[in-house]
Amino acid sequence: MNKKYFGIHREGWKFFIFFSLLSLFGLLLSSFLFLFFLFLSFFTLWFFRDPDRHFDSRENQLLSAADGKIVFIGEARPPEETDIPYTMKKVSIFMNVLNVHINRSPLEGNIEKIIYKNGKFFNASLDKASEYNERNSFIISAGEDKIVVVQIAGLIARRILSFISEGCNIDKGDRIGLIRFGSRVDIYFPPSYKIKVNQDDIVIAGETIIAER
């Protein structure tokens, strides 16, 4: 389910083979096309890199679900389709095309529900992306706590992938999904947690502590 090959997620190999074949075809037409598609071949391998991550954290600490830049810190209600009627603390992380795009669980728990919703493709760095863009929401329960992780498609992202299914038990830092090419992840958690990051901080999935209870 979360397999990887030589540090590249399996999704990347499909693109690598496709662009490699195009580069061979381009070689028959022009050196520019050959070099262009060859560049895309190796860029996709780099984009889909899937490094091992391990960070010792306490049970009361939440880890970042994504690599990227903190673009929002505050309070908000989770997406309406989650049926969570109350306000939670929220941290939003924007992933540009240079970031690792494998998303990870902030805590150990059970995947209570996964809800996919169609939507638009606004720039993922904008706050309105949380409300209007295509998204995939994970509700993770851990004892009395409920954490919501929302994968949000961006301006050029067109596919959200989930690696897990409802009812799965996951460990903190486990891979839960992938968004292809520039996107955003919102993390909602109870008010009892104190936020440990600041606006514009650069965070790393499965390593950076974003909140502590």
N, C-alpha and C. Protein backbone atom coordinates (compact mmCIF):
# COMPACT_ATOMS: atom_id res chain seq x y z
N MET A 1 0.82 -1.20 0.00
CA MET A 1 0.00 0.00 0.00
C MET A 1 0.86 1.25 0.00
N ASN A 2 1.88 1.32 0.85
CA ASN A 2 2.77 2.46 0.88
C ASN A 2 4.15 2.09 0.36
N LYS A 3 4.20 1.23 -0.64
CA LYS A 3 5.48 0.76 -1.14
C LYS A 3 6.21 1.87 -1.86
N LYS A 4 7.49 1.78 -1.90
CA LYS A 4 8.30 2.70 -2.67
C LYS A 4 9.43 1.91 -3.30
N TYR A 5 10.02 2.44 -4.33
CA TYR A 5 11.08 1.76 -5.06
C TYR A 5 12.26 2.71 -5.17
N PHE A 6 13.38 2.34 -4.53
CA PHE A 6 14.59 3.14 -4.57
C PHE A 6 14.33 4.59 -4.15
N GLY A 7 13.42 4.79 -3.20
CA GLY A 7 13.15 6.14 -2.71
C GLY A 7 12.25 6.95 -3.62
N ILE A 8 11.65 6.33 -4.65
CA ILE A 8 10.71 7.01 -5.55
C ILE A 8 9.36 6.32 -5.41
N HIS A 9 8.30 7.11 -5.18
CA HIS A 9 6.99 6.49 -5.06
C HIS A 9 6.57 5.91 -6.40
N ARG A 10 5.82 4.81 -6.34
CA ARG A 10 5.45 4.09 -7.57
C ARG A 10 4.73 4.97 -8.59
N GLU A 11 4.00 6.00 -8.14
CA GLU A 11 3.32 6.90 -9.07
C GLU A 11 4.31 7.56 -10.02
N GLY A 12 5.52 7.81 -9.54
CA GLY A 12 6.51 8.52 -10.35
C GLY A 12 7.02 7.72 -11.53
N TRP A 13 7.04 6.40 -11.40
CA TRP A 13 7.60 5.57 -12.47
C TRP A 13 6.75 5.63 -13.72
N LYS A 14 5.44 5.78 -13.59
CA LYS A 14 4.57 5.86 -14.76
C LYS A 14 4.91 7.09 -15.59
N PHE A 15 5.10 8.22 -14.90
CA PHE A 15 5.44 9.45 -15.61
C PHE A 15 6.84 9.36 -16.21
N PHE A 16 7.75 8.73 -15.47
CA PHE A 16 9.13 8.61 -15.96
C PHE A 16 9.15 7.81 -17.27
N ILE A 17 8.44 6.70 -17.30
CA ILE A 17 8.41 5.87 -18.52
C ILE A 17 7.76 6.64 -19.67
N PHE A 18 6.66 7.35 -19.38
CA PHE A 18 5.95 8.10 -20.41
C PHE A 18 6.85 9.17 -21.03
N PHE A 19 7.49 9.99 -20.18
CA PHE A 19 8.34 11.06 -20.70
C PHE A 19 9.62 10.52 -21.33
N SER A 20 10.11 9.39 -20.84
CA SER A 20 11.29 8.77 -21.45
C SER A 20 10.99 8.33 -22.88
N LEU A 21 9.81 7.74 -23.08
CA LEU A 21 9.41 7.34 -24.42
C LEU A 21 9.25 8.55 -25.34
N LEU A 22 8.70 9.63 -24.79
CA LEU A 22 8.57 10.86 -25.57
C LEU A 22 9.93 11.44 -25.94
N SER A 23 10.89 11.32 -25.02
CA SER A 23 12.23 11.84 -25.32
C SER A 23 12.89 11.06 -26.45
N LEU A 24 12.65 9.74 -26.49
CA LEU A 24 13.19 8.93 -27.58
C LEU A 24 12.54 9.31 -28.90
N PHE A 25 11.22 9.55 -28.85
CA PHE A 25 10.52 10.00 -30.05
C PHE A 25 11.01 11.38 -30.47
N GLY A 26 11.23 12.26 -29.46
CA GLY A 26 11.70 13.61 -29.75
C GLY A 26 13.08 13.63 -30.37
N LEU A 27 13.88 12.63 -30.05
CA LEU A 27 15.22 12.54 -30.62
C LEU A 27 15.17 12.44 -32.15
N LEU A 28 14.09 11.87 -32.67
CA LEU A 28 13.94 11.74 -34.12
C LEU A 28 13.56 13.07 -34.77
N LEU A 29 13.05 14.01 -33.92
CA LEU A 29 12.56 15.27 -34.48
C LEU A 29 13.52 16.43 -34.26
N SER A 30 13.98 16.58 -33.00
CA SER A 30 14.91 17.69 -32.72
C SER A 30 15.60 17.44 -31.39
N SER A 31 16.78 17.99 -31.25
CA SER A 31 17.52 17.86 -29.99
C SER A 31 16.81 18.60 -28.87
N PHE A 32 16.10 19.69 -29.20
CA PHE A 32 15.37 20.44 -28.17
C PHE A 32 14.30 19.56 -27.52
N LEU A 33 13.49 18.89 -28.36
CA LEU A 33 12.43 18.02 -27.82
C LEU A 33 13.02 16.88 -27.01
N PHE A 34 14.12 16.33 -27.48
CA PHE A 34 14.78 15.25 -26.75
C PHE A 34 15.19 15.71 -25.35
N LEU A 35 15.86 16.88 -25.28
CA LEU A 35 16.33 17.39 -23.99
C LEU A 35 15.17 17.81 -23.10
N PHE A 36 14.12 18.36 -23.70
CA PHE A 36 12.95 18.80 -22.93
C PHE A 36 12.27 17.63 -22.24
N PHE A 37 11.99 16.58 -23.01
CA PHE A 37 11.31 15.42 -22.42
C PHE A 37 12.24 14.62 -21.51
N LEU A 38 13.53 14.65 -21.79
CA LEU A 38 14.49 14.01 -20.90
C LEU A 38 14.51 14.71 -19.54
N PHE A 39 14.45 16.04 -19.58
CA PHE A 39 14.37 16.83 -18.34
C PHE A 39 13.11 16.47 -17.56
N LEU A 40 11.96 16.39 -18.26
CA LEU A 40 10.70 16.04 -17.59
C LEU A 40 10.77 14.64 -16.99
N SER A 41 11.46 13.73 -17.66
CA SER A 41 11.60 12.36 -17.15
C SER A 41 12.25 12.36 -15.78
N PHE A 42 13.37 13.06 -15.66
CA PHE A 42 14.11 13.05 -14.40
C PHE A 42 13.47 13.97 -13.36
N PHE A 43 12.76 15.02 -13.84
CA PHE A 43 12.05 15.88 -12.90
C PHE A 43 10.96 15.10 -12.18
N THR A 44 10.24 14.23 -12.92
CA THR A 44 9.18 13.46 -12.28
C THR A 44 9.73 12.51 -11.22
N LEU A 45 10.88 11.92 -11.49
CA LEU A 45 11.49 11.06 -10.45
C LEU A 45 11.83 11.87 -9.22
N TRP A 46 12.36 13.06 -9.44
CA TRP A 46 12.72 13.92 -8.31
C TRP A 46 11.46 14.39 -7.58
N PHE A 47 10.39 14.73 -8.32
CA PHE A 47 9.15 15.20 -7.71
C PHE A 47 8.51 14.12 -6.84
N PHE A 48 8.55 12.88 -7.30
CA PHE A 48 7.91 11.78 -6.58
C PHE A 48 8.84 11.09 -5.59
N ARG A 49 9.91 11.76 -5.20
CA ARG A 49 10.82 11.18 -4.22
C ARG A 49 10.07 10.91 -2.92
N ASP A 50 10.46 9.83 -2.27
CA ASP A 50 9.73 9.37 -1.09
C ASP A 50 10.73 9.00 0.00
N PRO A 51 11.32 9.99 0.65
CA PRO A 51 12.34 9.70 1.65
C PRO A 51 11.78 9.07 2.91
N ASP A 52 12.59 8.24 3.55
CA ASP A 52 12.21 7.73 4.86
C ASP A 52 12.28 8.86 5.86
N ARG A 53 11.33 8.89 6.77
CA ARG A 53 11.30 9.92 7.81
C ARG A 53 11.10 9.24 9.16
N HIS A 54 11.84 9.70 10.15
CA HIS A 54 11.63 9.20 11.51
C HIS A 54 12.02 10.30 12.48
N PHE A 55 11.09 10.60 13.38
CA PHE A 55 11.37 11.62 14.39
C PHE A 55 10.71 11.20 15.69
N ASP A 56 11.48 11.17 16.77
CA ASP A 56 10.93 10.80 18.07
C ASP A 56 10.15 11.98 18.64
N SER A 57 8.86 11.77 18.87
CA SER A 57 8.04 12.82 19.46
C SER A 57 7.16 12.20 20.53
N ARG A 58 6.68 13.03 21.43
CA ARG A 58 5.84 12.54 22.51
C ARG A 58 4.41 12.31 22.02
N GLU A 59 3.68 11.54 22.79
CA GLU A 59 2.30 11.18 22.41
C GLU A 59 1.42 12.41 22.27
N ASN A 60 1.72 13.46 23.05
CA ASN A 60 0.87 14.66 23.05
C ASN A 60 1.27 15.67 21.98
N GLN A 61 2.14 15.29 21.07
CA GLN A 61 2.61 16.21 20.03
C GLN A 61 2.10 15.78 18.65
N LEU A 62 1.75 16.76 17.83
CA LEU A 62 1.32 16.51 16.46
C LEU A 62 2.46 16.87 15.51
N LEU A 63 2.69 16.00 14.52
CA LEU A 63 3.71 16.26 13.52
C LEU A 63 3.07 16.85 12.26
N SER A 64 3.86 17.53 11.49
CA SER A 64 3.37 18.09 10.23
C SER A 64 2.92 16.97 9.30
N ALA A 65 1.85 17.23 8.55
CA ALA A 65 1.35 16.25 7.59
C ALA A 65 1.94 16.46 6.20
N ALA A 66 2.70 17.55 6.02
CA ALA A 66 3.22 17.87 4.69
C ALA A 66 4.52 18.64 4.79
N ASP A 67 5.31 18.55 3.73
CA ASP A 67 6.47 19.43 3.56
C ASP A 67 5.96 20.74 2.95
N GLY A 68 6.52 21.85 3.38
CA GLY A 68 6.13 23.10 2.74
C GLY A 68 6.18 24.29 3.68
N LYS A 69 5.40 25.30 3.34
CA LYS A 69 5.41 26.58 4.04
C LYS A 69 4.07 26.80 4.74
N ILE A 70 4.12 27.24 6.00
CA ILE A 70 2.90 27.57 6.75
C ILE A 70 2.29 28.84 6.16
N VAL A 71 1.05 28.72 5.66
CA VAL A 71 0.39 29.88 5.04
C VAL A 71 -0.83 30.35 5.84
N PHE A 72 -1.25 29.55 6.84
CA PHE A 72 -2.37 29.98 7.68
C PHE A 72 -2.25 29.34 9.04
N ILE A 73 -2.47 30.14 10.08
CA ILE A 73 -2.58 29.65 11.45
C ILE A 73 -3.77 30.37 12.07
N GLY A 74 -4.71 29.60 12.63
CA GLY A 74 -5.87 30.25 13.22
C GLY A 74 -6.91 29.24 13.64
N GLU A 75 -8.17 29.64 13.57
CA GLU A 75 -9.28 28.77 13.93
C GLU A 75 -10.29 28.74 12.80
N ALA A 76 -10.89 27.59 12.59
CA ALA A 76 -11.89 27.44 11.53
C ALA A 76 -12.64 26.13 11.73
N ARG A 77 -13.80 26.03 11.11
CA ARG A 77 -14.52 24.76 11.11
C ARG A 77 -13.98 23.89 10.00
N PRO A 78 -13.85 22.59 10.24
CA PRO A 78 -13.43 21.68 9.17
C PRO A 78 -14.43 21.71 8.02
N PRO A 79 -14.05 21.17 6.85
CA PRO A 79 -14.99 21.15 5.72
C PRO A 79 -16.34 20.58 6.10
N GLU A 80 -17.39 21.14 5.49
CA GLU A 80 -18.76 20.77 5.88
C GLU A 80 -19.05 19.28 5.72
N GLU A 81 -18.39 18.65 4.75
CA GLU A 81 -18.66 17.23 4.51
C GLU A 81 -18.14 16.32 5.64
N THR A 82 -17.31 16.87 6.53
CA THR A 82 -16.83 16.06 7.66
C THR A 82 -17.87 15.94 8.77
N ASP A 83 -18.90 16.82 8.71
CA ASP A 83 -19.98 16.83 9.72
C ASP A 83 -19.45 17.13 11.13
N ILE A 84 -18.35 17.87 11.20
CA ILE A 84 -17.85 18.33 12.51
C ILE A 84 -18.35 19.75 12.69
N PRO A 85 -19.27 19.98 13.63
CA PRO A 85 -19.99 21.26 13.71
C PRO A 85 -19.29 22.36 14.51
N TYR A 86 -18.11 22.08 15.04
CA TYR A 86 -17.47 23.05 15.92
C TYR A 86 -16.13 23.54 15.33
N THR A 87 -15.70 24.67 15.87
CA THR A 87 -14.44 25.29 15.42
C THR A 87 -13.25 24.56 16.03
N MET A 88 -12.20 24.40 15.23
CA MET A 88 -10.97 23.77 15.69
C MET A 88 -9.79 24.69 15.34
N LYS A 89 -8.66 24.42 15.91
CA LYS A 89 -7.45 25.11 15.49
C LYS A 89 -7.04 24.56 14.12
N LYS A 90 -6.42 25.43 13.32
CA LYS A 90 -6.10 25.04 11.95
C LYS A 90 -4.71 25.55 11.57
N VAL A 91 -3.94 24.66 10.96
CA VAL A 91 -2.65 25.03 10.37
C VAL A 91 -2.68 24.58 8.91
N SER A 92 -2.35 25.49 8.00
CA SER A 92 -2.35 25.18 6.57
C SER A 92 -0.92 25.23 6.03
N ILE A 93 -0.58 24.25 5.20
CA ILE A 93 0.77 24.13 4.64
C ILE A 93 0.66 24.11 3.12
N PHE A 94 1.39 25.03 2.47
CA PHE A 94 1.41 25.08 1.01
C PHE A 94 2.63 24.34 0.50
N MET A 95 2.40 23.42 -0.44
CA MET A 95 3.48 22.65 -1.06
C MET A 95 3.69 23.15 -2.49
N ASN A 96 4.88 23.67 -2.78
CA ASN A 96 5.16 24.03 -4.17
C ASN A 96 5.75 22.81 -4.89
N VAL A 97 6.04 22.94 -6.16
CA VAL A 97 6.48 21.78 -6.95
C VAL A 97 7.85 21.27 -6.52
N LEU A 98 8.56 22.03 -5.70
CA LEU A 98 9.89 21.61 -5.25
C LEU A 98 9.83 20.76 -3.98
N ASN A 99 8.68 20.76 -3.30
CA ASN A 99 8.55 20.02 -2.05
C ASN A 99 8.26 18.54 -2.29
N VAL A 100 8.64 17.71 -1.30
CA VAL A 100 8.18 16.32 -1.28
C VAL A 100 6.66 16.36 -1.12
N HIS A 101 5.93 15.56 -1.90
CA HIS A 101 4.48 15.64 -1.88
C HIS A 101 3.80 14.44 -1.21
N ILE A 102 4.57 13.61 -0.53
CA ILE A 102 3.99 12.53 0.26
C ILE A 102 3.44 13.12 1.56
N ASN A 103 2.17 12.85 1.87
CA ASN A 103 1.56 13.35 3.10
C ASN A 103 1.56 12.27 4.17
N ARG A 104 1.69 12.70 5.42
CA ARG A 104 1.84 11.76 6.54
C ARG A 104 0.89 12.08 7.68
N SER A 105 0.60 11.09 8.48
CA SER A 105 -0.32 11.28 9.60
C SER A 105 0.36 12.06 10.73
N PRO A 106 -0.33 13.05 11.30
CA PRO A 106 0.25 13.83 12.40
C PRO A 106 0.32 13.07 13.72
N LEU A 107 -0.46 11.98 13.83
CA LEU A 107 -0.52 11.26 15.10
C LEU A 107 -0.92 9.81 14.86
N GLU A 108 -0.79 9.03 15.92
CA GLU A 108 -1.25 7.63 15.86
C GLU A 108 -2.75 7.60 16.09
N GLY A 109 -3.46 6.79 15.33
CA GLY A 109 -4.91 6.73 15.53
C GLY A 109 -5.59 5.82 14.54
N ASN A 110 -6.89 5.99 14.43
CA ASN A 110 -7.72 5.18 13.53
C ASN A 110 -8.36 6.09 12.49
N ILE A 111 -8.32 5.65 11.23
CA ILE A 111 -8.96 6.42 10.16
C ILE A 111 -10.47 6.19 10.25
N GLU A 112 -11.14 7.14 10.87
CA GLU A 112 -12.57 7.00 11.11
C GLU A 112 -13.36 7.19 9.81
N LYS A 113 -12.91 8.14 8.98
CA LYS A 113 -13.66 8.43 7.77
C LYS A 113 -12.73 9.12 6.76
N ILE A 114 -12.97 8.85 5.46
CA ILE A 114 -12.28 9.54 4.37
C ILE A 114 -13.36 10.06 3.42
N ILE A 115 -13.35 11.37 3.16
CA ILE A 115 -14.38 11.97 2.33
C ILE A 115 -13.74 12.76 1.20
N TYR A 116 -14.08 12.39 -0.03
CA TYR A 116 -13.58 13.11 -1.21
C TYR A 116 -14.66 14.06 -1.71
N LYS A 117 -14.23 15.27 -2.13
CA LYS A 117 -15.20 16.25 -2.65
C LYS A 117 -14.61 16.94 -3.87
N ASN A 118 -15.37 16.95 -4.96
CA ASN A 118 -14.97 17.68 -6.16
C ASN A 118 -14.95 19.17 -5.88
N GLY A 119 -14.18 19.91 -6.66
CA GLY A 119 -14.13 21.35 -6.47
C GLY A 119 -13.33 22.04 -7.55
N LYS A 120 -12.98 23.28 -7.28
CA LYS A 120 -12.26 24.11 -8.24
C LYS A 120 -10.75 23.93 -8.05
N PHE A 121 -9.97 24.74 -8.77
CA PHE A 121 -8.52 24.62 -8.71
C PHE A 121 -7.88 26.00 -8.56
N PHE A 122 -8.26 26.71 -7.49
CA PHE A 122 -7.62 27.98 -7.19
C PHE A 122 -6.18 27.71 -6.73
N ASN A 123 -5.35 28.75 -6.79
CA ASN A 123 -3.99 28.63 -6.26
C ASN A 123 -4.07 28.16 -4.82
N ALA A 124 -3.35 27.08 -4.50
CA ALA A 124 -3.45 26.45 -3.18
C ALA A 124 -2.90 27.32 -2.05
N SER A 125 -2.15 28.37 -2.39
CA SER A 125 -1.63 29.25 -1.34
C SER A 125 -2.69 30.22 -0.83
N LEU A 126 -3.83 30.32 -1.53
CA LEU A 126 -4.90 31.22 -1.13
C LEU A 126 -5.82 30.55 -0.12
N ASP A 127 -6.32 31.32 0.85
CA ASP A 127 -7.19 30.76 1.88
C ASP A 127 -8.48 30.19 1.31
N LYS A 128 -8.99 30.77 0.22
CA LYS A 128 -10.25 30.28 -0.34
C LYS A 128 -10.10 28.87 -0.93
N ALA A 129 -8.86 28.43 -1.14
CA ALA A 129 -8.66 27.06 -1.65
C ALA A 129 -9.21 26.04 -0.66
N SER A 130 -9.14 26.34 0.64
CA SER A 130 -9.65 25.41 1.66
C SER A 130 -11.14 25.14 1.49
N GLU A 131 -11.87 26.15 1.01
CA GLU A 131 -13.32 26.04 0.91
C GLU A 131 -13.79 25.55 -0.45
N TYR A 132 -13.10 25.98 -1.51
CA TYR A 132 -13.64 25.76 -2.85
C TYR A 132 -12.92 24.69 -3.67
N ASN A 133 -11.68 24.37 -3.35
CA ASN A 133 -10.93 23.45 -4.20
C ASN A 133 -11.30 21.98 -3.98
N GLU A 134 -10.96 21.17 -4.98
CA GLU A 134 -11.08 19.72 -4.83
C GLU A 134 -10.29 19.28 -3.61
N ARG A 135 -10.84 18.34 -2.83
CA ARG A 135 -10.16 17.98 -1.59
C ARG A 135 -10.51 16.56 -1.15
N ASN A 136 -9.68 16.07 -0.24
CA ASN A 136 -9.87 14.74 0.34
C ASN A 136 -9.61 14.87 1.84
N SER A 137 -10.60 14.55 2.66
CA SER A 137 -10.49 14.76 4.12
C SER A 137 -10.37 13.44 4.86
N PHE A 138 -9.38 13.36 5.75
CA PHE A 138 -9.21 12.22 6.64
C PHE A 138 -9.63 12.63 8.05
N ILE A 139 -10.55 11.91 8.64
CA ILE A 139 -10.87 12.12 10.06
C ILE A 139 -10.15 11.03 10.83
N ILE A 140 -9.22 11.44 11.68
CA ILE A 140 -8.41 10.50 12.45
C ILE A 140 -8.79 10.62 13.92
N SER A 141 -9.20 9.51 14.52
CA SER A 141 -9.56 9.53 15.94
C SER A 141 -8.47 8.87 16.76
N ALA A 142 -8.14 9.52 17.87
CA ALA A 142 -7.13 9.00 18.80
C ALA A 142 -7.65 9.24 20.20
N GLY A 143 -8.27 8.23 20.77
CA GLY A 143 -8.88 8.42 22.09
C GLY A 143 -10.02 9.42 21.98
N GLU A 144 -9.98 10.46 22.80
CA GLU A 144 -11.03 11.48 22.77
C GLU A 144 -10.78 12.52 21.69
N ASP A 145 -9.58 12.55 21.15
CA ASP A 145 -9.23 13.57 20.16
C ASP A 145 -9.66 13.16 18.75
N LYS A 146 -10.05 14.17 17.97
CA LYS A 146 -10.32 13.99 16.56
C LYS A 146 -9.44 14.98 15.81
N ILE A 147 -8.68 14.49 14.84
CA ILE A 147 -7.83 15.34 14.01
C ILE A 147 -8.33 15.19 12.57
N VAL A 148 -8.38 16.30 11.85
CA VAL A 148 -8.79 16.25 10.45
C VAL A 148 -7.62 16.73 9.58
N VAL A 149 -7.24 15.89 8.62
CA VAL A 149 -6.20 16.25 7.66
C VAL A 149 -6.87 16.34 6.29
N VAL A 150 -6.73 17.49 5.63
CA VAL A 150 -7.40 17.71 4.35
C VAL A 150 -6.36 17.94 3.26
N GLN A 151 -6.35 17.05 2.26
CA GLN A 151 -5.52 17.23 1.07
C GLN A 151 -6.30 18.10 0.10
N ILE A 152 -5.67 19.17 -0.39
CA ILE A 152 -6.36 20.11 -1.26
C ILE A 152 -5.59 20.26 -2.57
N ALA A 153 -6.28 20.04 -3.69
CA ALA A 153 -5.66 20.22 -5.00
C ALA A 153 -5.36 21.70 -5.24
N GLY A 154 -4.31 21.96 -6.01
CA GLY A 154 -3.92 23.33 -6.29
C GLY A 154 -4.22 23.76 -7.71
N LEU A 155 -3.54 24.79 -8.14
CA LEU A 155 -3.78 25.38 -9.46
C LEU A 155 -3.48 24.40 -10.58
N ILE A 156 -2.39 23.62 -10.42
CA ILE A 156 -2.04 22.66 -11.47
C ILE A 156 -2.17 21.22 -11.00
N ALA A 157 -2.48 21.04 -9.72
CA ALA A 157 -2.71 19.67 -9.22
C ALA A 157 -4.05 19.17 -9.76
N ARG A 158 -4.07 17.94 -10.24
CA ARG A 158 -5.30 17.41 -10.79
C ARG A 158 -5.63 16.01 -10.27
N ARG A 159 -4.87 15.54 -9.32
CA ARG A 159 -5.21 14.23 -8.77
C ARG A 159 -4.75 14.12 -7.33
N ILE A 160 -5.68 13.72 -6.47
CA ILE A 160 -5.38 13.48 -5.07
C ILE A 160 -5.43 11.98 -4.84
N LEU A 161 -4.38 11.44 -4.24
CA LEU A 161 -4.31 10.01 -4.00
C LEU A 161 -4.33 9.72 -2.50
N SER A 162 -5.08 8.69 -2.13
CA SER A 162 -5.09 8.22 -0.74
C SER A 162 -4.43 6.86 -0.70
N PHE A 163 -3.53 6.64 0.28
CA PHE A 163 -2.84 5.36 0.41
C PHE A 163 -3.52 4.42 1.40
N ILE A 164 -4.53 4.91 2.11
CA ILE A 164 -5.13 4.14 3.19
C ILE A 164 -6.64 4.11 3.02
N SER A 165 -7.31 3.31 3.83
CA SER A 165 -8.76 3.20 3.74
C SER A 165 -9.39 3.37 5.12
N GLU A 166 -10.68 3.59 5.15
CA GLU A 166 -11.39 3.77 6.41
C GLU A 166 -11.24 2.53 7.29
N GLY A 167 -11.08 2.76 8.58
CA GLY A 167 -10.94 1.66 9.53
C GLY A 167 -9.50 1.27 9.81
N CYS A 168 -8.56 1.80 9.01
CA CYS A 168 -7.14 1.46 9.22
C CYS A 168 -6.60 2.11 10.48
N ASN A 169 -5.74 1.39 11.19
CA ASN A 169 -4.98 1.97 12.28
C ASN A 169 -3.63 2.42 11.73
N ILE A 170 -3.23 3.63 12.07
CA ILE A 170 -1.98 4.16 11.54
C ILE A 170 -1.09 4.66 12.67
N ASP A 171 0.19 4.63 12.43
CA ASP A 171 1.16 5.19 13.36
C ASP A 171 1.47 6.63 12.98
N LYS A 172 1.97 7.37 13.93
CA LYS A 172 2.38 8.74 13.66
C LYS A 172 3.48 8.75 12.59
N GLY A 173 3.30 9.58 11.59
CA GLY A 173 4.29 9.68 10.52
C GLY A 173 4.07 8.73 9.36
N ASP A 174 3.06 7.84 9.46
CA ASP A 174 2.77 6.93 8.34
C ASP A 174 2.33 7.73 7.11
N ARG A 175 2.66 7.21 5.94
CA ARG A 175 2.23 7.83 4.70
C ARG A 175 0.72 7.63 4.53
N ILE A 176 0.00 8.71 4.23
CA ILE A 176 -1.44 8.61 4.06
C ILE A 176 -1.90 8.99 2.66
N GLY A 177 -1.07 9.72 1.91
CA GLY A 177 -1.52 10.12 0.59
C GLY A 177 -0.51 10.97 -0.15
N LEU A 178 -0.94 11.42 -1.33
CA LEU A 178 -0.08 12.17 -2.25
C LEU A 178 -0.98 13.08 -3.08
N ILE A 179 -0.50 14.30 -3.34
CA ILE A 179 -1.20 15.20 -4.25
C ILE A 179 -0.23 15.54 -5.37
N ARG A 180 -0.70 15.39 -6.60
CA ARG A 180 0.22 15.59 -7.71
C ARG A 180 0.31 17.06 -8.12
N PHE A 181 1.47 17.61 -7.93
CA PHE A 181 2.03 18.87 -8.45
C PHE A 181 1.50 20.14 -7.81
N GLY A 182 2.02 20.53 -6.69
CA GLY A 182 1.69 21.82 -6.08
C GLY A 182 0.33 21.79 -5.44
N SER A 183 0.25 21.96 -4.13
CA SER A 183 -1.02 21.74 -3.47
C SER A 183 -0.96 22.24 -2.03
N ARG A 184 -1.93 21.83 -1.22
CA ARG A 184 -2.06 22.35 0.14
C ARG A 184 -2.60 21.26 1.05
N VAL A 185 -2.19 21.31 2.31
CA VAL A 185 -2.74 20.41 3.32
C VAL A 185 -3.17 21.25 4.52
N ASP A 186 -4.42 21.08 4.93
CA ASP A 186 -4.95 21.73 6.13
C ASP A 186 -5.03 20.70 7.25
N ILE A 187 -4.62 21.09 8.45
CA ILE A 187 -4.69 20.20 9.60
C ILE A 187 -5.54 20.89 10.67
N TYR A 188 -6.62 20.23 11.08
CA TYR A 188 -7.51 20.74 12.12
C TYR A 188 -7.35 19.88 13.38
N PHE A 189 -7.27 20.53 14.53
CA PHE A 189 -7.10 19.80 15.78
C PHE A 189 -7.75 20.55 16.94
N PRO A 190 -7.99 19.87 18.08
CA PRO A 190 -8.73 20.47 19.19
C PRO A 190 -8.03 21.69 19.79
N PRO A 191 -8.80 22.60 20.39
CA PRO A 191 -8.25 23.80 21.01
C PRO A 191 -7.29 23.50 22.17
N SER A 192 -7.33 22.27 22.68
CA SER A 192 -6.44 21.92 23.80
C SER A 192 -4.97 21.86 23.38
N TYR A 193 -4.72 21.85 22.08
CA TYR A 193 -3.35 21.83 21.58
C TYR A 193 -2.81 23.25 21.43
N LYS A 194 -1.56 23.43 21.78
CA LYS A 194 -0.89 24.71 21.59
C LYS A 194 -0.06 24.65 20.30
N ILE A 195 -0.26 25.62 19.43
CA ILE A 195 0.45 25.63 18.16
C ILE A 195 1.93 25.98 18.38
N LYS A 196 2.81 25.21 17.76
CA LYS A 196 4.25 25.35 17.98
C LYS A 196 4.99 25.88 16.74
N VAL A 197 4.25 26.31 15.73
CA VAL A 197 4.89 26.85 14.52
C VAL A 197 4.38 28.27 14.29
N ASN A 198 5.04 28.98 13.39
CA ASN A 198 4.68 30.35 13.08
C ASN A 198 4.38 30.50 11.59
N GLN A 199 3.67 31.58 11.27
CA GLN A 199 3.41 31.89 9.87
C GLN A 199 4.72 31.94 9.09
N ASP A 200 4.72 31.36 7.90
CA ASP A 200 5.86 31.34 6.96
C ASP A 200 6.97 30.37 7.36
N ASP A 201 6.80 29.62 8.45
CA ASP A 201 7.78 28.59 8.78
C ASP A 201 7.80 27.52 7.69
N ILE A 202 8.98 26.92 7.48
CA ILE A 202 9.12 25.79 6.58
C ILE A 202 9.08 24.52 7.44
N VAL A 203 8.18 23.61 7.09
CA VAL A 203 8.00 22.40 7.91
C VAL A 203 8.24 21.16 7.07
N ILE A 204 8.48 20.03 7.76
CA ILE A 204 8.78 18.76 7.11
C ILE A 204 7.81 17.70 7.62
N ALA A 205 7.17 17.00 6.70
CA ALA A 205 6.20 15.98 7.08
C ALA A 205 6.85 14.87 7.88
N GLY A 206 6.19 14.49 8.98
CA GLY A 206 6.69 13.41 9.81
C GLY A 206 7.86 13.78 10.70
N GLU A 207 8.26 15.06 10.70
CA GLU A 207 9.39 15.49 11.52
C GLU A 207 9.10 16.74 12.35
N THR A 208 8.53 17.76 11.74
CA THR A 208 8.31 19.03 12.44
C THR A 208 7.11 18.93 13.37
N ILE A 209 7.30 19.31 14.62
CA ILE A 209 6.20 19.36 15.59
C ILE A 209 5.40 20.64 15.33
N ILE A 210 4.10 20.50 15.05
CA ILE A 210 3.31 21.68 14.77
C ILE A 210 2.41 22.08 15.94
N ALA A 211 2.14 21.14 16.86
CA ALA A 211 1.28 21.45 17.99
C ALA A 211 1.53 20.47 19.13
N GLU A 212 1.18 20.92 20.35
CA GLU A 212 1.41 20.09 21.54
C GLU A 212 0.27 20.31 22.51
N ARG A 213 -0.21 19.21 23.09
CA ARG A 213 -1.32 19.29 24.05
C ARG A 213 -0.78 19.38 25.46
